[in-house]
Amino acid sequence: KQALASLRQSAWNVKELDLSGNPLSQISAADLAPFTKLELLNLSSNVLYETLDLESLSSLRTLDLNNNYVQELLVGPSIETLHAANNNISRVSCSRGQGKKNIYLANNKITVLRDLDEGCRSRVQYLDLKLNEIDTVNLAELAASSDTLEHLNLQYNFIYDIKGQVVFAKLKTLDLSSNKLAFMGLEFQSAAGVTWISLRNNKLVLIEKALRFSQNLEHFDLRGNGFHCGTLRDFFSKNQRVQTVAKQTVKKLTGQNEEECTVPMHNHYGPYCCEDLPAPFADRLIALKRKEHALLSGQGSETERLECERENQARQREINALKEQYRTVIDQVTLRKQAKITLEQKKKALDEQVSNGRRAHAELDGTLQQAVGQIELQNATEEQSPLQLLRAIVKRYEEMYVE
C-alpha cells in the first residue's frame, strides 16, 4: 500500500501495474481506485486469499492472479483476459460486458460450470478449467458462448456425464482427456466442427454411431480407454475420415500404427484397443462399480490399487508442472507468508471435516436411538458403539420378522 501511495499523484495516467512476487495478502478495488485508466494488473505470486473484489475497476482488461490463494473473485465489465491458475477459486463473478473473454482457471476448486456466473460464461473465446473438481457438464450453460467459444479445456477433472446440446459454431479444440466418461453420446455433436479432440484416458466403452465430425478434423485421440470392439466397428464404418485421422494421430504420438494395450488379450479395431463384450455398457459399469467399492473398502486388488495410484500420480504431475510453469522467484518473506496461509487453510479444512464428522455422528446416534425406542430394544446401553447398536437393531428386526 505504501508503494501504491507513492504512485498516487500519477495514478490517473497508469495503464499497466505490476505488483507480482510481493507478500501482498489483501488488496481491494478501493486501494486501486485512483488508477482510473488501469487496463492491466499483475498480482501473480502473492499471498492473496479468500475474496478478491475488483468489480469496480471498470477499465481493467487483463488480470494476472496466478499463484495465489483466492477463493472467490469478482471482476468488472471490461475484462478480456483472466489468468488465475493455481488458486483455490470456487466462484467467479463477471460484470456483463460486450467483449470476448479468455479465462484460464486451471488447478482451482470449480465443481460445475455455474461456479462461473452468467457474465463469465458469456462470449467466452478460450476457457481453461483443467485440473478442477468438475464431475458433470451441462453444455447448455455455455449457450451464451455458442458463437464465440473456440477452445475448451476440461482435462484432468472427474467428469462422468455430459449433457445438453449446443452447437458451438467456432469450436476448434476440445480436451476431455483424463476424466471418467464411459459413453460418447449425441452431446458430442456440439463439437462436430472441431479440428482437435482428445478423450484419452477416460473409461469409454461405447460411441454413439450417429456421431459425425468435420472433414477438417486433424487430431482424434481416444487412447487409454476400454472400448467394445463392436462400437468402434460401427462408428468407424460411418466415419471413414475419422478413422484415418485417428490412425494418423496415434502414429504421430507414439510412432506406432496402434496403441499398446495394457491387457494382453485385448484386440484392436482401427488404432484402438478393444474387447468383445456381450452387454458392453452394463458389464463395464458393473466392473467399475465393483472396483470403486473395493478401493473404498480397502479390498481392491493390487492391479486396481496400482491403477488408482497411477491416475493420482499423473494428476499430481500435471499440477506440479502447472505450478512450475507459472513459478516466480520470490523472497523469503513471501515464502513464509505462503507457508503460513497454506497451514491455516489445511487447519480450516480439517476443522470442517471434524465438524462434519461430529454432526454426522450426532445424526446417526439420533436415528439409532429413535429406532431403539420404536422396536423397544432391550439391553441397549450408552456404552455401545453405533456399530454395535446397529447390529443389535438389525438382529432385533430379524427376530421380529421370524415372530
Protein backbone atom coordinates (compact mmCIF):
# COMPACT_ATOMS: atom_id res chain seq x y z
CA LYS A 1 0.00 0.00 0.00
CA GLN A 2 2.95 2.31 0.59
CA ALA A 3 4.08 1.65 -2.97
CA LEU A 4 0.60 2.46 -4.26
CA ALA A 5 0.55 5.66 -2.20
CA SER A 6 3.85 6.75 -3.76
CA LEU A 7 2.22 6.44 -7.19
CA ARG A 8 -0.96 8.25 -6.23
CA GLN A 9 -0.09 11.58 -7.89
CA SER A 10 0.40 9.98 -11.31
CA ALA A 11 -2.10 7.15 -10.81
CA TRP A 12 -4.61 8.67 -13.21
CA ASN A 13 -2.19 8.06 -16.08
CA VAL A 14 -1.15 4.46 -15.24
CA LYS A 15 -2.45 1.78 -17.62
CA GLU A 16 -0.30 -1.16 -16.51
CA LEU A 17 0.59 -2.05 -12.91
CA ASP A 18 2.83 -4.97 -11.88
CA LEU A 19 2.67 -5.99 -8.20
CA SER A 20 3.72 -9.61 -8.72
CA GLY A 21 6.01 -11.54 -6.36
CA ASN A 22 5.23 -9.49 -3.25
CA PRO A 23 3.91 -10.55 0.18
CA LEU A 24 0.51 -8.95 -0.52
CA SER A 25 -2.21 -10.76 1.41
CA GLN A 26 -5.00 -8.25 0.78
CA ILE A 27 -5.84 -5.65 -1.85
CA SER A 28 -9.13 -4.11 -2.84
CA ALA A 29 -10.66 -2.04 -5.60
CA ALA A 30 -10.61 0.89 -3.17
CA ASP A 31 -6.81 0.65 -2.96
CA LEU A 32 -6.68 0.88 -6.75
CA ALA A 33 -9.44 3.48 -7.19
CA PRO A 34 -7.02 6.31 -8.17
CA PHE A 35 -5.85 4.21 -11.14
CA THR A 36 -8.85 5.16 -13.25
CA LYS A 37 -7.27 4.14 -16.58
CA LEU A 38 -5.81 0.85 -15.36
CA GLU A 39 -6.07 -1.84 -18.07
CA LEU A 40 -3.54 -4.46 -16.97
CA LEU A 41 -2.96 -5.60 -13.38
CA ASN A 42 -0.43 -8.28 -12.40
CA LEU A 43 -0.98 -9.70 -8.91
CA SER A 44 0.60 -13.10 -9.55
CA SER A 45 2.68 -14.92 -6.93
CA ASN A 46 1.39 -13.01 -3.94
CA VAL A 47 -0.43 -14.44 -0.91
CA LEU A 48 -3.90 -13.06 -1.64
CA TYR A 49 -6.62 -15.22 -0.13
CA GLU A 50 -10.39 -15.53 0.41
CA THR A 51 -12.40 -12.97 -1.66
CA LEU A 52 -10.85 -10.55 -4.15
CA ASP A 53 -13.33 -7.92 -5.34
CA LEU A 54 -12.12 -5.86 -8.32
CA GLU A 55 -15.56 -5.38 -9.85
CA SER A 56 -15.42 -1.57 -9.72
CA LEU A 57 -12.25 -1.41 -11.87
CA SER A 58 -14.29 -0.68 -14.98
CA SER A 59 -11.32 -0.25 -17.38
CA LEU A 60 -9.43 -3.39 -16.36
CA ARG A 61 -8.92 -5.66 -19.39
CA THR A 62 -6.23 -8.09 -18.23
CA LEU A 63 -5.78 -9.57 -14.75
CA ASP A 64 -2.99 -11.96 -13.77
CA LEU A 65 -3.76 -13.69 -10.50
CA ASN A 66 -1.73 -16.89 -10.96
CA ASN A 67 -0.24 -18.50 -7.85
CA ASN A 68 -2.32 -17.09 -5.02
CA TYR A 69 -4.87 -18.48 -2.55
CA VAL A 70 -8.01 -16.66 -3.70
CA GLN A 71 -11.31 -18.48 -3.14
CA GLU A 72 -13.78 -16.07 -4.75
CA LEU A 73 -13.16 -13.49 -7.49
CA LEU A 74 -15.21 -10.58 -8.83
CA VAL A 75 -14.12 -8.66 -11.94
CA GLY A 76 -15.52 -5.72 -13.93
CA PRO A 77 -17.24 -5.39 -17.32
CA SER A 78 -14.13 -4.74 -19.45
CA ILE A 79 -12.26 -7.91 -18.54
CA GLU A 80 -10.92 -9.71 -21.61
CA THR A 81 -8.17 -11.95 -20.24
CA LEU A 82 -8.19 -13.55 -16.81
CA HIS A 83 -5.22 -15.63 -15.66
CA ALA A 84 -5.97 -17.25 -12.30
CA ALA A 85 -4.30 -20.67 -12.33
CA ASN A 86 -3.11 -22.25 -9.08
CA ASN A 87 -5.58 -20.72 -6.65
CA ASN A 88 -8.46 -22.13 -4.58
CA ILE A 89 -11.19 -20.44 -6.62
CA SER A 90 -14.67 -21.92 -6.32
CA ARG A 91 -16.66 -18.96 -7.66
CA VAL A 92 -16.06 -16.22 -10.26
CA SER A 93 -18.34 -13.27 -11.00
CA CYS A 94 -18.00 -11.09 -14.12
CA SER A 95 -19.97 -7.90 -14.71
CA ARG A 96 -21.78 -8.03 -18.05
CA GLY A 97 -19.62 -6.76 -20.89
CA GLN A 98 -19.68 -6.86 -24.68
CA GLY A 99 -16.14 -8.09 -25.36
CA LYS A 100 -14.89 -11.64 -25.83
CA LYS A 101 -13.18 -13.32 -22.88
CA ASN A 102 -10.22 -15.65 -22.40
CA ILE A 103 -10.44 -17.33 -18.99
CA TYR A 104 -7.66 -19.51 -17.55
CA LEU A 105 -8.64 -21.19 -14.27
CA ALA A 106 -6.52 -24.33 -14.23
CA ASN A 107 -5.91 -26.00 -10.85
CA ASN A 108 -8.72 -24.49 -8.81
CA LYS A 109 -11.85 -25.71 -6.98
CA ILE A 110 -14.52 -25.25 -9.67
CA THR A 111 -17.14 -28.04 -9.39
CA VAL A 112 -19.70 -27.04 -12.06
CA LEU A 113 -19.77 -24.55 -14.93
CA ARG A 114 -22.27 -22.47 -12.94
CA ASP A 115 -19.48 -21.63 -10.49
CA LEU A 116 -18.68 -19.08 -13.19
CA ASP A 117 -21.66 -16.73 -13.23
CA GLU A 118 -23.57 -15.83 -16.42
CA GLY A 119 -21.31 -12.87 -17.15
CA CYS A 120 -18.24 -15.12 -17.11
CA ARG A 121 -19.92 -17.74 -19.32
CA SER A 122 -20.99 -15.17 -21.91
CA ARG A 123 -18.92 -14.55 -25.08
CA VAL A 124 -16.03 -16.74 -23.93
CA GLN A 125 -13.40 -17.49 -26.55
CA TYR A 126 -10.96 -19.61 -24.54
CA LEU A 127 -11.99 -21.48 -21.38
CA ASP A 128 -9.40 -23.46 -19.45
CA LEU A 129 -10.80 -25.43 -16.49
CA LYS A 130 -8.11 -28.09 -16.41
CA LEU A 131 -7.39 -29.71 -13.02
CA ASN A 132 -10.57 -28.64 -11.27
CA GLU A 133 -13.19 -30.75 -9.46
CA ILE A 134 -15.95 -30.95 -12.09
CA ASP A 135 -17.92 -34.22 -12.30
CA THR A 136 -20.83 -33.31 -14.60
CA VAL A 137 -21.02 -30.85 -17.51
CA ASN A 138 -24.14 -29.23 -18.92
CA LEU A 139 -23.15 -27.67 -22.24
CA ALA A 140 -26.34 -25.59 -22.21
CA GLU A 141 -24.67 -23.48 -19.51
CA LEU A 142 -22.24 -22.26 -22.20
CA ALA A 143 -25.01 -21.37 -24.66
CA ALA A 144 -24.17 -17.65 -24.37
CA SER A 145 -20.77 -18.51 -25.90
CA SER A 146 -22.11 -20.68 -28.73
CA ASP A 147 -20.87 -18.26 -31.41
CA THR A 148 -17.54 -17.34 -29.74
CA LEU A 149 -16.08 -20.41 -27.99
CA GLU A 150 -13.00 -21.73 -29.81
CA HIS A 151 -11.08 -23.68 -27.16
CA LEU A 152 -12.43 -25.69 -24.22
CA ASN A 153 -10.03 -27.49 -21.87
CA LEU A 154 -11.58 -29.78 -19.24
CA GLN A 155 -8.61 -32.10 -18.87
CA TYR A 156 -7.98 -33.84 -15.53
CA ASN A 157 -11.35 -33.37 -13.90
CA PHE A 158 -13.68 -36.13 -12.69
CA ILE A 159 -16.32 -35.82 -15.42
CA TYR A 160 -18.53 -38.88 -15.83
CA ASP A 161 -21.54 -37.27 -17.53
CA ILE A 162 -22.05 -34.66 -20.26
CA LYS A 163 -25.48 -33.38 -21.20
CA GLY A 164 -27.03 -30.56 -23.21
CA GLN A 165 -26.73 -29.99 -26.93
CA VAL A 166 -25.46 -26.61 -28.09
CA VAL A 167 -23.80 -26.09 -31.46
CA PHE A 168 -20.51 -24.28 -30.89
CA ALA A 169 -20.02 -22.88 -34.37
CA LYS A 170 -16.37 -21.84 -33.90
CA LEU A 171 -15.10 -24.56 -31.54
CA LYS A 172 -11.67 -25.76 -32.71
CA THR A 173 -10.22 -27.73 -29.78
CA LEU A 174 -11.88 -29.86 -27.10
CA ASP A 175 -9.77 -31.58 -24.44
CA LEU A 176 -11.61 -34.00 -22.16
CA SER A 177 -8.68 -36.32 -21.54
CA SER A 178 -8.16 -37.95 -18.13
CA ASN A 179 -11.77 -37.93 -16.96
CA LYS A 180 -14.32 -40.67 -16.17
CA LEU A 181 -16.54 -40.70 -19.27
CA ALA A 182 -17.91 -44.10 -20.33
CA PHE A 183 -20.05 -43.02 -23.32
CA MET A 184 -19.62 -40.61 -26.24
CA GLY A 185 -23.23 -39.65 -26.85
CA LEU A 186 -25.02 -37.23 -29.15
CA GLU A 187 -23.97 -34.38 -26.85
CA PHE A 188 -20.62 -34.51 -28.67
CA GLN A 189 -22.42 -33.32 -31.78
CA SER A 190 -21.93 -29.91 -30.14
CA ALA A 191 -18.27 -30.28 -31.10
CA ALA A 192 -18.90 -31.61 -34.61
CA GLY A 193 -16.79 -28.88 -36.20
CA VAL A 194 -13.63 -29.28 -34.10
CA THR A 195 -10.24 -29.84 -35.68
CA TRP A 196 -8.67 -31.23 -32.47
CA ILE A 197 -10.34 -33.51 -29.90
CA SER A 198 -8.97 -35.74 -27.14
CA LEU A 199 -10.76 -38.12 -24.78
CA ARG A 200 -7.62 -40.05 -23.94
CA ASN A 201 -7.57 -41.94 -20.63
CA ASN A 202 -11.27 -41.99 -19.86
CA LYS A 203 -13.44 -45.08 -19.25
CA LEU A 204 -15.03 -45.10 -22.71
CA VAL A 205 -16.92 -48.24 -23.69
CA LEU A 206 -19.41 -47.08 -26.33
CA ILE A 207 -19.65 -44.38 -29.01
CA GLU A 208 -22.95 -43.22 -30.46
CA LYS A 209 -22.73 -44.46 -34.05
CA ALA A 210 -24.76 -41.48 -35.31
CA LEU A 211 -21.98 -39.06 -34.29
CA ARG A 212 -20.34 -37.19 -37.15
CA PHE A 213 -17.27 -34.97 -37.19
CA SER A 214 -15.99 -32.32 -39.59
CA GLN A 215 -13.92 -33.18 -42.64
CA ASN A 216 -11.45 -30.62 -41.25
CA LEU A 217 -10.61 -32.89 -38.28
CA GLU A 218 -6.83 -33.14 -37.77
CA HIS A 219 -6.39 -34.75 -34.33
CA PHE A 220 -8.57 -37.51 -32.82
CA ASP A 221 -7.15 -39.22 -29.71
CA LEU A 222 -9.12 -41.91 -27.85
CA ARG A 223 -6.22 -43.94 -26.47
CA GLY A 224 -6.32 -45.43 -22.99
CA ASN A 225 -9.99 -46.44 -22.92
CA GLY A 226 -11.79 -49.81 -22.77
CA PHE A 227 -13.90 -49.94 -25.90
CA HIS A 228 -16.30 -52.63 -27.00
CA CYS A 229 -14.96 -53.70 -30.43
CA GLY A 230 -18.42 -53.52 -31.96
CA THR A 231 -18.85 -49.84 -31.12
CA LEU A 232 -15.58 -48.92 -32.87
CA ARG A 233 -16.59 -51.03 -35.87
CA ASP A 234 -19.99 -49.30 -36.14
CA PHE A 235 -18.59 -45.81 -35.55
CA PHE A 236 -15.67 -46.01 -37.96
CA SER A 237 -17.80 -47.62 -40.67
CA LYS A 238 -19.81 -44.37 -40.75
CA ASN A 239 -16.77 -42.13 -40.19
CA GLN A 240 -14.00 -43.29 -42.52
CA ARG A 241 -12.31 -39.89 -42.40
CA VAL A 242 -12.23 -40.00 -38.57
CA GLN A 243 -10.66 -43.47 -38.63
CA THR A 244 -7.92 -42.20 -40.93
CA VAL A 245 -7.24 -39.22 -38.65
CA ALA A 246 -7.25 -41.49 -35.58
CA LYS A 247 -4.58 -43.70 -37.14
CA GLN A 248 -2.50 -40.66 -38.10
CA THR A 249 -2.82 -39.27 -34.56
CA VAL A 250 -1.65 -42.49 -32.90
CA LYS A 251 1.24 -42.78 -35.36
CA LYS A 252 2.30 -39.19 -34.70
CA LEU A 253 2.12 -39.51 -30.90
CA THR A 254 3.57 -43.00 -30.44
CA GLY A 255 5.42 -43.87 -33.63
CA GLN A 256 3.25 -47.00 -33.83
CA ASN A 257 0.25 -47.86 -36.00
CA GLU A 258 -1.78 -49.00 -32.96
CA GLU A 259 -1.86 -48.08 -29.30
CA GLU A 260 -0.27 -50.54 -26.90
CA CYS A 261 -2.91 -52.42 -24.91
CA THR A 262 -2.48 -52.72 -21.14
CA VAL A 263 -4.41 -56.02 -21.17
CA PRO A 264 -2.62 -58.54 -23.44
CA MET A 265 -5.76 -60.39 -24.60
CA HIS A 266 -7.40 -57.21 -25.93
CA ASN A 267 -7.94 -56.83 -29.67
CA HIS A 268 -7.64 -53.77 -31.89
CA TYR A 269 -10.12 -52.08 -34.15
CA GLY A 270 -8.63 -49.22 -36.07
CA PRO A 271 -5.75 -47.98 -33.91
CA TYR A 272 -7.50 -48.56 -30.56
CA CYS A 273 -7.60 -51.42 -28.07
CA CYS A 274 -10.95 -53.10 -27.55
CA GLU A 275 -12.65 -56.26 -26.33
CA ASP A 276 -15.85 -58.06 -27.28
CA LEU A 277 -18.45 -57.77 -24.53
CA PRO A 278 -21.93 -59.38 -24.63
CA ALA A 279 -23.52 -56.46 -22.76
CA PRO A 280 -20.78 -53.83 -23.02
CA PHE A 281 -22.15 -50.91 -21.07
CA ALA A 282 -23.68 -52.98 -18.28
CA ASP A 283 -20.60 -55.19 -17.99
CA ARG A 284 -18.22 -52.25 -17.78
CA LEU A 285 -20.46 -50.28 -15.40
CA ILE A 286 -20.67 -53.26 -13.05
CA ALA A 287 -16.91 -53.71 -13.23
CA LEU A 288 -16.30 -50.02 -12.45
CA LYS A 289 -18.73 -50.09 -9.51
CA ARG A 290 -17.06 -53.20 -8.11
CA LYS A 291 -13.66 -51.58 -8.47
CA GLU A 292 -14.87 -48.37 -6.78
CA HIS A 293 -16.39 -50.32 -3.87
CA ALA A 294 -13.29 -52.47 -3.48
CA LEU A 295 -10.95 -49.48 -3.42
CA LEU A 296 -13.11 -47.56 -0.93
CA SER A 297 -13.31 -50.58 1.37
CA GLY A 298 -9.59 -51.25 1.07
CA GLN A 299 -10.21 -54.63 -0.56
CA GLY A 300 -9.18 -53.80 -4.11
CA SER A 301 -6.74 -55.99 -5.97
CA GLU A 302 -3.12 -54.98 -6.35
CA THR A 303 -3.78 -54.21 -10.03
CA GLU A 304 -6.71 -51.91 -9.18
CA ARG A 305 -4.74 -50.19 -6.43
CA LEU A 306 -1.83 -49.56 -8.78
CA GLU A 307 -4.16 -48.20 -11.47
CA CYS A 308 -5.71 -45.75 -8.99
CA GLU A 309 -2.25 -44.77 -7.80
CA ARG A 310 -1.07 -44.15 -11.38
CA GLU A 311 -4.06 -41.90 -12.07
CA ASN A 312 -3.42 -39.88 -8.90
CA GLN A 313 0.27 -39.58 -9.68
CA ALA A 314 -0.46 -38.44 -13.24
CA ARG A 315 -2.80 -35.75 -11.92
CA GLN A 316 -0.23 -34.61 -9.36
CA ARG A 317 2.46 -34.41 -12.05
CA GLU A 318 0.20 -32.12 -14.06
CA ILE A 319 -0.38 -29.92 -11.01
CA ASN A 320 3.36 -29.72 -10.32
CA ALA A 321 4.09 -28.90 -13.96
CA LEU A 322 1.48 -26.14 -13.94
CA LYS A 323 2.93 -24.61 -10.77
CA GLU A 324 6.41 -24.77 -12.26
CA GLN A 325 5.15 -23.13 -15.46
CA TYR A 326 3.94 -20.08 -13.55
CA ARG A 327 6.65 -20.09 -10.91
CA THR A 328 8.10 -16.69 -9.97
CA VAL A 329 11.25 -16.03 -7.97
CA ILE A 330 10.06 -14.55 -4.68
CA ASP A 331 11.72 -13.53 -1.43
CA GLN A 332 11.77 -15.38 1.89
CA VAL A 333 9.14 -13.12 3.50
CA THR A 334 6.64 -14.04 0.81
CA LEU A 335 7.56 -17.72 1.08
CA ARG A 336 6.92 -17.65 4.84
CA LYS A 337 3.57 -15.95 4.32
CA GLN A 338 2.62 -18.52 1.69
CA ALA A 339 3.55 -21.37 4.04
CA LYS A 340 1.53 -19.78 6.85
CA ILE A 341 -1.58 -19.38 4.69
CA THR A 342 -1.23 -22.96 3.42
CA LEU A 343 -1.14 -24.25 7.01
CA GLU A 344 -4.10 -22.07 8.00
CA GLN A 345 -6.14 -23.42 5.09
CA LYS A 346 -5.24 -27.01 5.95
CA LYS A 347 -6.30 -26.37 9.55
CA LYS A 348 -9.58 -24.85 8.36
CA ALA A 349 -10.25 -27.86 6.11
CA LEU A 350 -9.50 -30.27 8.97
CA ASP A 351 -11.74 -28.30 11.34
CA GLU A 352 -14.57 -28.57 8.80
CA GLN A 353 -14.01 -32.31 8.45
CA VAL A 354 -14.10 -32.76 12.23
CA SER A 355 -17.24 -30.63 12.47
CA ASN A 356 -18.95 -32.59 9.68
CA GLY A 357 -17.91 -35.85 11.31
CA ARG A 358 -19.34 -34.82 14.66
CA ARG A 359 -22.57 -33.67 13.03
CA ALA A 360 -22.91 -36.93 11.08
CA HIS A 361 -22.19 -38.92 14.25
CA ALA A 362 -24.85 -36.99 16.15
CA GLU A 363 -27.41 -37.55 13.37
CA LEU A 364 -26.61 -41.26 13.25
CA ASP A 365 -26.85 -41.55 17.02
CA GLY A 366 -30.24 -39.82 16.98
CA THR A 367 -31.54 -42.13 14.25
CA LEU A 368 -30.32 -45.23 16.10
CA GLN A 369 -31.83 -44.10 19.40
CA GLN A 370 -35.13 -43.45 17.64
CA ALA A 371 -35.03 -46.97 16.20
CA VAL A 372 -34.23 -48.39 19.65
CA GLY A 373 -37.34 -46.70 21.04
CA GLN A 374 -39.58 -47.84 18.19
CA ILE A 375 -38.70 -51.53 18.49
CA GLU A 376 -38.29 -51.46 22.29
CA LEU A 377 -34.81 -52.91 22.11
CA GLN A 378 -33.78 -54.41 25.41
CA ASN A 379 -30.30 -54.13 26.91
CA ALA A 380 -29.32 -51.07 24.82
CA THR A 381 -26.70 -49.05 26.70
CA GLU A 382 -24.94 -45.75 26.17
CA GLU A 383 -21.60 -47.59 26.20
CA GLN A 384 -22.43 -49.39 22.96
CA SER A 385 -20.77 -48.04 19.82
CA PRO A 386 -23.00 -47.05 16.87
CA LEU A 387 -21.87 -50.20 15.02
CA GLN A 388 -22.76 -52.44 17.97
CA LEU A 389 -26.11 -50.71 18.32
CA LEU A 390 -26.82 -51.07 14.59
CA ARG A 391 -26.08 -54.79 14.74
CA ALA A 392 -28.41 -55.18 17.71
CA ILE A 393 -31.18 -53.31 15.86
CA VAL A 394 -30.76 -55.47 12.74
CA LYS A 395 -30.84 -58.62 14.88
CA ARG A 396 -34.00 -57.43 16.62
CA TYR A 397 -35.71 -56.72 13.28
CA GLU A 398 -34.80 -60.21 12.10
CA GLU A 399 -36.28 -61.71 15.29
CA MET A 400 -39.45 -59.66 14.86
CA TYR A 401 -39.77 -60.87 11.25
CA VAL A 402 -39.48 -64.51 12.37
CA GLU A 403 -42.07 -63.94 15.10
